[in-house]
Amino acid sequence: MSPQIQPFARLSPAERPELFKMERDAEPAPRSVVLFLQFPATLPWFDGHFPGRPLLPGVAQVHLAGIASQAVFTFDSAYRGTGRLKFVRPITPEVPVQLTLQLKTSSVRFEYRRDDVVCASGSLLFTQ
């Protein structure tokens, strides 16, 4: 994987979270990546969800993990579903989180953490 890979390049600039740092395991084919992110309050993902107490919707969390997975693991497999989704803590604007992506045989395991506490986790299933 090239160091200049931008995990959210497919999104418009208005939809992108802020990426502060990316850590990955050994080249040339990493199997694990950690993205250090923050979600600005101006992102459209927060619109209407919920007024006065915004939080990042679960569907946005899954979508962003999927886009990042395809970019950092450089594969073009079609997305075919999710598995074992758990949303246990809200992700709010302007709060740093870590998104860990682990490549498996035909899936990517994702986990969002804030201050070492799991916020959400699940699997993204792709065709082989």
C-alpha atoms as a PDB file:
ATOM      1  CA  MET A   1       0.000   0.000   0.000  1.00  0.00           C
ATOM      2  CA  SER A   2       1.310   3.372  -0.932  1.00  0.00           C
ATOM      3  CA  PRO A   3       1.756   5.877   1.918  1.00  0.00           C
ATOM      4  CA  GLN A   4      -0.214   8.468  -0.068  1.00  0.00           C
ATOM      5  CA  ILE A   5      -3.405   6.344  -0.079  1.00  0.00           C
ATOM      6  CA  GLN A   6      -6.316   8.445   1.119  1.00  0.00           C
ATOM      7  CA  PRO A   7      -8.959   6.137   2.618  1.00  0.00           C
ATOM      8  CA  PHE A   8     -11.817   8.570   2.000  1.00  0.00           C
ATOM      9  CA  ALA A   9     -10.830   9.956  -1.410  1.00  0.00           C
ATOM     10  CA  ARG A  10     -14.040   8.559  -2.985  1.00  0.00           C
ATOM     11  CA  LEU A  11     -16.117  10.895  -0.828  1.00  0.00           C
ATOM     12  CA  SER A  12     -16.671  14.556  -1.560  1.00  0.00           C
ATOM     13  CA  PRO A  13     -14.565  16.832   0.663  1.00  0.00           C
ATOM     14  CA  ALA A  14     -17.741  17.856   2.515  1.00  0.00           C
ATOM     15  CA  GLU A  15     -18.376  14.211   3.539  1.00  0.00           C
ATOM     16  CA  ARG A  16     -14.861  13.268   4.695  1.00  0.00           C
ATOM     17  CA  PRO A  17     -13.832  12.820   8.311  1.00  0.00           C
ATOM     18  CA  GLU A  18     -10.532  14.368   9.328  1.00  0.00           C
ATOM     19  CA  LEU A  19      -7.731  11.790   9.128  1.00  0.00           C
ATOM     20  CA  PHE A  20      -4.891  12.570  11.531  1.00  0.00           C
ATOM     21  CA  LYS A  21      -2.792   9.435  11.249  1.00  0.00           C
ATOM     22  CA  MET A  22      -2.808   5.966   9.726  1.00  0.00           C
ATOM     23  CA  GLU A  23      -0.908   3.005  11.179  1.00  0.00           C
ATOM     24  CA  ARG A  24      -0.627  -0.296   9.319  1.00  0.00           C
ATOM     25  CA  ASP A  25       1.152  -3.584   9.626  1.00  0.00           C
ATOM     26  CA  ALA A  26       3.904  -4.821   7.290  1.00  0.00           C
ATOM     27  CA  GLU A  27       4.061  -3.935   3.610  1.00  0.00           C
ATOM     28  CA  PRO A  28       3.417  -4.787   0.826  1.00  0.00           C
ATOM     29  CA  ALA A  29       0.080  -6.359   1.777  1.00  0.00           C
ATOM     30  CA  PRO A  30      -1.161  -5.021   5.121  1.00  0.00           C
ATOM     31  CA  ARG A  31      -3.862  -7.001   6.933  1.00  0.00           C
ATOM     32  CA  SER A  32      -4.510  -4.499   9.713  1.00  0.00           C
ATOM     33  CA  VAL A  33      -4.890  -0.701   9.642  1.00  0.00           C
ATOM     34  CA  VAL A  34      -5.769   1.843  12.330  1.00  0.00           C
ATOM     35  CA  LEU A  35      -7.124   5.224  11.241  1.00  0.00           C
ATOM     36  CA  PHE A  36      -7.116   8.090  13.735  1.00  0.00           C
ATOM     37  CA  LEU A  37     -10.158  10.212  12.891  1.00  0.00           C
ATOM     38  CA  GLN A  38     -12.366  13.043  13.962  1.00  0.00           C
ATOM     39  CA  PHE A  39     -15.780  13.893  12.547  1.00  0.00           C
ATOM     40  CA  PRO A  40     -16.346  17.650  12.133  1.00  0.00           C
ATOM     41  CA  ALA A  41     -19.791  18.876  13.219  1.00  0.00           C
ATOM     42  CA  THR A  42     -20.291  20.286   9.706  1.00  0.00           C
ATOM     43  CA  LEU A  43     -20.431  16.838   8.069  1.00  0.00           C
ATOM     44  CA  PRO A  44     -23.799  16.120   6.428  1.00  0.00           C
ATOM     45  CA  TRP A  45     -23.878  12.756   8.251  1.00  0.00           C
ATOM     46  CA  PHE A  46     -25.011  14.629  11.375  1.00  0.00           C
ATOM     47  CA  ASP A  47     -27.893  16.523   9.710  1.00  0.00           C
ATOM     48  CA  GLY A  48     -31.097  15.717  11.575  1.00  0.00           C
ATOM     49  CA  HIS A  49     -29.455  13.000  13.658  1.00  0.00           C
ATOM     50  CA  PHE A  50     -30.276  14.374  16.279  1.00  0.00           C
ATOM     51  CA  PRO A  51     -30.968  18.112  16.726  1.00  0.00           C
ATOM     52  CA  GLY A  52     -29.245  19.406  19.846  1.00  0.00           C
ATOM     53  CA  ARG A  53     -27.388  16.127  20.412  1.00  0.00           C
ATOM     54  CA  PRO A  54     -25.765  15.050  17.129  1.00  0.00           C
ATOM     55  CA  LEU A  55     -24.322  11.588  16.697  1.00  0.00           C
ATOM     56  CA  LEU A  56     -22.911   9.682  13.756  1.00  0.00           C
ATOM     57  CA  PRO A  57     -25.566   7.294  12.433  1.00  0.00           C
ATOM     58  CA  GLY A  58     -24.699   3.596  12.331  1.00  0.00           C
ATOM     59  CA  VAL A  59     -25.306   3.456   8.581  1.00  0.00           C
ATOM     60  CA  ALA A  60     -22.665   6.189   8.125  1.00  0.00           C
ATOM     61  CA  GLN A  61     -20.200   4.290  10.331  1.00  0.00           C
ATOM     62  CA  VAL A  62     -20.628   1.132   8.237  1.00  0.00           C
ATOM     63  CA  HIS A  63     -20.412   3.085   4.966  1.00  0.00           C
ATOM     64  CA  LEU A  64     -17.219   4.895   6.000  1.00  0.00           C
ATOM     65  CA  ALA A  65     -15.595   1.660   7.199  1.00  0.00           C
ATOM     66  CA  GLY A  66     -16.437   0.032   3.845  1.00  0.00           C
ATOM     67  CA  ILE A  67     -14.997   2.865   1.767  1.00  0.00           C
ATOM     68  CA  ALA A  68     -11.826   2.952   3.861  1.00  0.00           C
ATOM     69  CA  SER A  69     -11.463  -0.848   3.668  1.00  0.00           C
ATOM     70  CA  GLN A  70     -11.573  -0.915  -0.119  1.00  0.00           C
ATOM     71  CA  ALA A  71      -9.032   1.910  -0.346  1.00  0.00           C
ATOM     72  CA  VAL A  72      -6.467   0.727   2.195  1.00  0.00           C
ATOM     73  CA  PHE A  73      -6.618  -2.966   1.283  1.00  0.00           C
ATOM     74  CA  THR A  74      -6.787  -2.100  -2.447  1.00  0.00           C
ATOM     75  CA  PHE A  75      -9.450  -4.541  -3.544  1.00  0.00           C
ATOM     76  CA  ASP A  76     -12.448  -4.113  -5.788  1.00  0.00           C
ATOM     77  CA  SER A  77     -14.671  -6.883  -4.460  1.00  0.00           C
ATOM     78  CA  ALA A  78     -18.373  -6.105  -4.358  1.00  0.00           C
ATOM     79  CA  TYR A  79     -19.917  -5.375  -1.001  1.00  0.00           C
ATOM     80  CA  ARG A  80     -22.514  -8.012  -0.119  1.00  0.00           C
ATOM     81  CA  GLY A  81     -23.564  -7.299   3.455  1.00  0.00           C
ATOM     82  CA  THR A  82     -22.676  -6.946   7.103  1.00  0.00           C
ATOM     83  CA  GLY A  83     -22.369  -9.215  10.081  1.00  0.00           C
ATOM     84  CA  ARG A  84     -22.342  -8.940  13.875  1.00  0.00           C
ATOM     85  CA  LEU A  85     -23.016  -5.210  13.995  1.00  0.00           C
ATOM     86  CA  LYS A  86     -22.927  -3.665  17.453  1.00  0.00           C
ATOM     87  CA  PHE A  87     -23.403   0.019  18.241  1.00  0.00           C
ATOM     88  CA  VAL A  88     -22.710   0.471  21.943  1.00  0.00           C
ATOM     89  CA  ARG A  89     -21.485   4.064  22.397  1.00  0.00           C
ATOM     90  CA  PRO A  90     -22.335   7.154  20.357  1.00  0.00           C
ATOM     91  CA  ILE A  91     -19.772   8.797  18.110  1.00  0.00           C
ATOM     92  CA  THR A  92     -20.215  12.540  18.409  1.00  0.00           C
ATOM     93  CA  PRO A  93     -18.751  15.451  16.444  1.00  0.00           C
ATOM     94  CA  GLU A  94     -15.257  16.763  17.153  1.00  0.00           C
ATOM     95  CA  VAL A  95     -14.257  13.765  19.316  1.00  0.00           C
ATOM     96  CA  PRO A  96     -11.198  11.740  18.218  1.00  0.00           C
ATOM     97  CA  VAL A  97     -11.835   8.062  17.436  1.00  0.00           C
ATOM     98  CA  GLN A  98      -9.787   5.178  16.112  1.00  0.00           C
ATOM     99  CA  LEU A  99     -11.122   3.002  13.310  1.00  0.00           C
ATOM    100  CA  THR A 100      -9.400  -0.388  13.183  1.00  0.00           C
ATOM    101  CA  LEU A 101      -9.789  -2.470  10.022  1.00  0.00           C
ATOM    102  CA  GLN A 102      -8.653  -6.103   9.889  1.00  0.00           C
ATOM    103  CA  LEU A 103      -8.672  -7.953   6.583  1.00  0.00           C
ATOM    104  CA  LYS A 104      -9.982 -11.518   6.727  1.00  0.00           C
ATOM    105  CA  THR A 105     -10.548 -14.017   3.867  1.00  0.00           C
ATOM    106  CA  SER A 106     -13.767 -12.525   2.490  1.00  0.00           C
ATOM    107  CA  SER A 107     -14.546  -9.845   5.048  1.00  0.00           C
ATOM    108  CA  VAL A 108     -13.143  -6.894   6.930  1.00  0.00           C
ATOM    109  CA  ARG A 109     -13.652  -6.620  10.668  1.00  0.00           C
ATOM    110  CA  PHE A 110     -14.081  -3.017  11.819  1.00  0.00           C
ATOM    111  CA  GLU A 111     -14.089  -1.391  15.220  1.00  0.00           C
ATOM    112  CA  TYR A 112     -14.526   2.238  16.227  1.00  0.00           C
ATOM    113  CA  ARG A 113     -12.983   3.171  19.607  1.00  0.00           C
ATOM    114  CA  ARG A 114     -12.979   6.322  21.690  1.00  0.00           C
ATOM    115  CA  ASP A 115     -10.600   6.499  24.652  1.00  0.00           C
ATOM    116  CA  ASP A 116     -10.026   2.717  24.477  1.00  0.00           C
ATOM    117  CA  VAL A 117     -13.777   2.071  24.712  1.00  0.00           C
ATOM    118  CA  VAL A 118     -15.525   0.295  21.832  1.00  0.00           C
ATOM    119  CA  CYS A 119     -18.203   2.463  20.209  1.00  0.00           C
ATOM    120  CA  ALA A 120     -19.165   0.167  17.332  1.00  0.00           C
ATOM    121  CA  SER A 121     -17.967  -3.012  15.649  1.00  0.00           C
ATOM    122  CA  GLY A 122     -18.922  -5.470  12.973  1.00  0.00           C
ATOM    123  CA  SER A 123     -17.903  -7.245   9.774  1.00  0.00           C
ATOM    124  CA  LEU A 124     -18.160  -6.061   6.194  1.00  0.00           C
ATOM    125  CA  LEU A 125     -18.727  -8.964   3.823  1.00  0.00           C
ATOM    126  CA  PHE A 126     -17.301  -8.841   0.293  1.00  0.00           C
ATOM    127  CA  THR A 127     -17.450 -11.231  -2.659  1.00  0.00           C
ATOM    128  CA  GLN A 128     -14.230 -13.112  -3.336  1.00  0.00           C
END
